[in-house]
Amino acid sequence: LDHLHVWGEPPAAFAEIADRMRAEQAKEDPSDSEMPVDFIWEIPIALANSLCRYRHDEYADWGKPEFKILAEGKLD
């Protein structure tokens, strides 16, 4: 539950996110529930969100999509 394999040099935001999530994990009591909360799993998810503002489990409200015609022509 506490393992996260990291290789290479992660982005600068990684250390703060990992420390915060590990602190949250340390607060959890695995005997409190049938399925313990896994904050370690959240580390790469939170890191990706900090870099590109996207999370797979949240709806992003980027406004109404706009479609533009890039080229005139007939589609075959």
N, C-alpha and C. Protein backbone atom coordinates (compact mmCIF):
# COMPACT_ATOMS: atom_id res chain seq x y z
N LEU A 1 0.82 -1.20 0.00
CA LEU A 1 0.00 0.00 0.00
C LEU A 1 0.86 1.26 0.00
N ASP A 2 2.09 1.16 0.47
CA ASP A 2 2.94 2.35 0.61
C ASP A 2 4.02 2.42 -0.46
N HIS A 3 3.92 1.60 -1.51
CA HIS A 3 4.99 1.54 -2.50
C HIS A 3 4.65 2.34 -3.75
N LEU A 4 5.60 3.15 -4.20
CA LEU A 4 5.49 3.85 -5.47
C LEU A 4 6.87 3.84 -6.10
N HIS A 5 7.00 3.15 -7.22
CA HIS A 5 8.29 3.07 -7.90
C HIS A 5 8.47 4.32 -8.76
N VAL A 6 9.55 5.05 -8.52
CA VAL A 6 9.85 6.27 -9.26
C VAL A 6 11.22 6.12 -9.88
N TRP A 7 11.32 6.42 -11.18
CA TRP A 7 12.63 6.38 -11.82
C TRP A 7 12.78 7.65 -12.65
N GLY A 8 14.02 7.98 -12.94
CA GLY A 8 14.27 9.22 -13.66
C GLY A 8 14.14 10.41 -12.73
N GLU A 9 14.01 11.57 -13.30
CA GLU A 9 13.87 12.79 -12.51
C GLU A 9 12.45 13.33 -12.68
N PRO A 10 11.61 13.15 -11.67
CA PRO A 10 10.23 13.62 -11.80
C PRO A 10 10.17 15.15 -11.80
N PRO A 11 9.07 15.72 -12.27
CA PRO A 11 8.90 17.17 -12.25
C PRO A 11 9.00 17.73 -10.83
N ALA A 12 9.29 19.00 -10.74
CA ALA A 12 9.51 19.65 -9.44
C ALA A 12 8.32 19.49 -8.50
N ALA A 13 7.12 19.47 -9.02
CA ALA A 13 5.92 19.38 -8.18
C ALA A 13 5.80 18.02 -7.49
N PHE A 14 6.53 17.04 -7.95
CA PHE A 14 6.39 15.68 -7.42
C PHE A 14 6.66 15.61 -5.91
N ALA A 15 7.74 16.22 -5.44
CA ALA A 15 8.13 16.10 -4.03
C ALA A 15 7.03 16.59 -3.09
N GLU A 16 6.46 17.76 -3.38
CA GLU A 16 5.41 18.32 -2.52
C GLU A 16 4.17 17.44 -2.54
N ILE A 17 3.80 16.98 -3.73
CA ILE A 17 2.60 16.13 -3.85
C ILE A 17 2.82 14.80 -3.13
N ALA A 18 3.98 14.19 -3.33
CA ALA A 18 4.27 12.91 -2.69
C ALA A 18 4.28 13.05 -1.17
N ASP A 19 4.90 14.12 -0.67
CA ASP A 19 4.93 14.34 0.78
C ASP A 19 3.52 14.52 1.34
N ARG A 20 2.70 15.30 0.64
CA ARG A 20 1.33 15.55 1.10
C ARG A 20 0.50 14.28 1.09
N MET A 21 0.60 13.50 0.03
CA MET A 21 -0.19 12.27 -0.06
C MET A 21 0.31 11.21 0.93
N ARG A 22 1.61 11.14 1.15
CA ARG A 22 2.14 10.20 2.15
C ARG A 22 1.68 10.58 3.56
N ALA A 23 1.60 11.88 3.82
CA ALA A 23 1.10 12.33 5.13
C ALA A 23 -0.37 11.94 5.30
N GLU A 24 -1.16 12.09 4.23
CA GLU A 24 -2.56 11.67 4.29
C GLU A 24 -2.67 10.16 4.49
N GLN A 25 -1.80 9.41 3.82
CA GLN A 25 -1.81 7.95 3.95
C GLN A 25 -1.49 7.54 5.39
N ALA A 26 -0.55 8.25 6.01
CA ALA A 26 -0.14 7.93 7.38
C ALA A 26 -1.29 8.15 8.37
N LYS A 27 -2.21 9.06 8.04
CA LYS A 27 -3.36 9.33 8.92
C LYS A 27 -4.41 8.22 8.87
N GLU A 28 -4.39 7.45 7.79
CA GLU A 28 -5.41 6.42 7.60
C GLU A 28 -5.16 5.21 8.50
N ASP A 29 -6.22 4.67 9.03
CA ASP A 29 -6.15 3.44 9.81
C ASP A 29 -6.71 2.32 8.95
N PRO A 30 -5.84 1.41 8.46
CA PRO A 30 -6.32 0.37 7.55
C PRO A 30 -7.38 -0.54 8.16
N SER A 31 -7.49 -0.57 9.47
CA SER A 31 -8.50 -1.43 10.10
C SER A 31 -9.87 -0.75 10.16
N ASP A 32 -9.95 0.52 9.75
CA ASP A 32 -11.22 1.25 9.80
C ASP A 32 -12.23 0.79 8.75
N SER A 33 -11.75 0.21 7.65
CA SER A 33 -12.68 -0.18 6.60
C SER A 33 -12.19 -1.44 5.90
N GLU A 34 -13.09 -2.01 5.09
CA GLU A 34 -12.73 -3.20 4.34
C GLU A 34 -11.72 -2.89 3.24
N MET A 35 -11.82 -1.70 2.66
CA MET A 35 -10.90 -1.27 1.61
C MET A 35 -10.20 0.00 2.07
N PRO A 36 -8.93 -0.09 2.44
CA PRO A 36 -8.23 1.11 2.89
C PRO A 36 -8.06 2.13 1.76
N VAL A 37 -8.03 3.38 2.13
CA VAL A 37 -7.82 4.46 1.17
C VAL A 37 -6.36 4.41 0.72
N ASP A 38 -6.14 4.58 -0.58
CA ASP A 38 -4.78 4.51 -1.13
C ASP A 38 -4.38 5.87 -1.67
N PHE A 39 -3.79 6.70 -0.81
CA PHE A 39 -3.33 8.01 -1.24
C PHE A 39 -2.06 7.91 -2.08
N ILE A 40 -1.31 6.83 -1.95
CA ILE A 40 -0.09 6.65 -2.74
C ILE A 40 -0.47 6.53 -4.22
N TRP A 41 -1.56 5.86 -4.51
CA TRP A 41 -2.04 5.74 -5.89
C TRP A 41 -2.36 7.11 -6.47
N GLU A 42 -2.76 8.03 -5.62
CA GLU A 42 -3.13 9.38 -6.05
C GLU A 42 -1.92 10.23 -6.45
N ILE A 43 -0.71 9.86 -6.06
CA ILE A 43 0.46 10.70 -6.34
C ILE A 43 0.64 10.96 -7.83
N PRO A 44 0.72 9.93 -8.70
CA PRO A 44 0.87 10.24 -10.12
C PRO A 44 -0.35 10.94 -10.72
N ILE A 45 -1.54 10.66 -10.19
CA ILE A 45 -2.75 11.31 -10.68
C ILE A 45 -2.71 12.81 -10.36
N ALA A 46 -2.35 13.13 -9.12
CA ALA A 46 -2.26 14.53 -8.71
C ALA A 46 -1.13 15.25 -9.45
N LEU A 47 -0.03 14.56 -9.70
CA LEU A 47 1.07 15.15 -10.45
C LEU A 47 0.64 15.48 -11.87
N ALA A 48 -0.01 14.54 -12.54
CA ALA A 48 -0.50 14.79 -13.89
C ALA A 48 -1.49 15.96 -13.90
N ASN A 49 -2.35 16.03 -12.89
CA ASN A 49 -3.30 17.13 -12.80
C ASN A 49 -2.59 18.46 -12.62
N SER A 50 -1.51 18.48 -11.86
CA SER A 50 -0.78 19.73 -11.64
C SER A 50 -0.10 20.21 -12.92
N LEU A 51 0.24 19.27 -13.80
CA LEU A 51 0.93 19.63 -15.03
C LEU A 51 -0.01 19.98 -16.17
N CYS A 52 -1.12 19.26 -16.29
CA CYS A 52 -1.99 19.48 -17.46
C CYS A 52 -3.44 19.80 -17.10
N ARG A 53 -3.74 19.92 -15.81
CA ARG A 53 -5.09 20.27 -15.37
C ARG A 53 -6.16 19.31 -15.84
N TYR A 54 -5.83 18.04 -15.89
CA TYR A 54 -6.79 17.01 -16.28
C TYR A 54 -6.74 15.89 -15.28
N ARG A 55 -7.89 15.40 -14.89
CA ARG A 55 -8.01 14.21 -14.06
C ARG A 55 -9.00 13.28 -14.73
N HIS A 56 -8.67 12.03 -14.74
CA HIS A 56 -9.54 11.04 -15.38
C HIS A 56 -10.88 10.89 -14.67
N ASP A 57 -10.93 11.26 -13.41
CA ASP A 57 -12.13 11.03 -12.61
C ASP A 57 -12.92 12.30 -12.32
N GLU A 58 -12.62 13.39 -13.02
CA GLU A 58 -13.35 14.64 -12.83
C GLU A 58 -13.78 15.19 -14.19
N TYR A 59 -14.91 15.85 -14.18
CA TYR A 59 -15.39 16.50 -15.39
C TYR A 59 -14.70 17.84 -15.53
N ALA A 60 -14.16 18.10 -16.67
CA ALA A 60 -13.52 19.38 -16.92
C ALA A 60 -14.49 20.29 -17.65
N ASP A 61 -14.74 21.44 -17.11
CA ASP A 61 -15.63 22.39 -17.75
C ASP A 61 -14.80 23.40 -18.54
N TRP A 62 -14.53 23.04 -19.77
CA TRP A 62 -13.73 23.91 -20.64
C TRP A 62 -14.61 24.76 -21.52
N GLY A 63 -15.87 24.81 -21.23
CA GLY A 63 -16.79 25.62 -22.01
C GLY A 63 -17.33 24.88 -23.21
N LYS A 64 -18.15 25.59 -23.96
CA LYS A 64 -18.79 25.01 -25.13
C LYS A 64 -17.74 24.78 -26.22
N PRO A 65 -17.70 23.58 -26.81
CA PRO A 65 -16.73 23.34 -27.87
C PRO A 65 -17.04 24.18 -29.10
N GLU A 66 -16.00 24.64 -29.74
CA GLU A 66 -16.13 25.40 -30.98
C GLU A 66 -15.53 24.59 -32.11
N PHE A 67 -16.23 24.57 -33.23
CA PHE A 67 -15.73 23.87 -34.40
C PHE A 67 -15.52 24.89 -35.50
N LYS A 68 -14.36 24.83 -36.11
CA LYS A 68 -14.02 25.76 -37.19
C LYS A 68 -13.73 24.97 -38.45
N ILE A 69 -14.15 25.51 -39.57
CA ILE A 69 -13.81 24.89 -40.84
C ILE A 69 -12.39 25.28 -41.18
N LEU A 70 -11.51 24.30 -41.27
CA LEU A 70 -10.11 24.57 -41.55
C LEU A 70 -9.83 24.61 -43.05
N ALA A 71 -10.64 23.93 -43.80
CA ALA A 71 -10.44 23.92 -45.26
C ALA A 71 -11.78 23.67 -45.93
N GLU A 72 -12.03 24.39 -47.00
CA GLU A 72 -13.24 24.17 -47.78
C GLU A 72 -12.97 23.01 -48.73
N GLY A 73 -13.95 22.22 -48.95
CA GLY A 73 -13.77 21.13 -49.88
C GLY A 73 -14.84 20.08 -49.71
N LYS A 74 -14.82 19.16 -50.60
CA LYS A 74 -15.80 18.09 -50.60
C LYS A 74 -15.18 16.85 -49.96
N LEU A 75 -15.91 16.26 -49.04
CA LEU A 75 -15.43 15.03 -48.43
C LEU A 75 -15.85 13.85 -49.28
N ASP A 76 -14.96 12.96 -49.52
CA ASP A 76 -15.28 11.75 -50.30
C ASP A 76 -15.70 10.63 -49.38
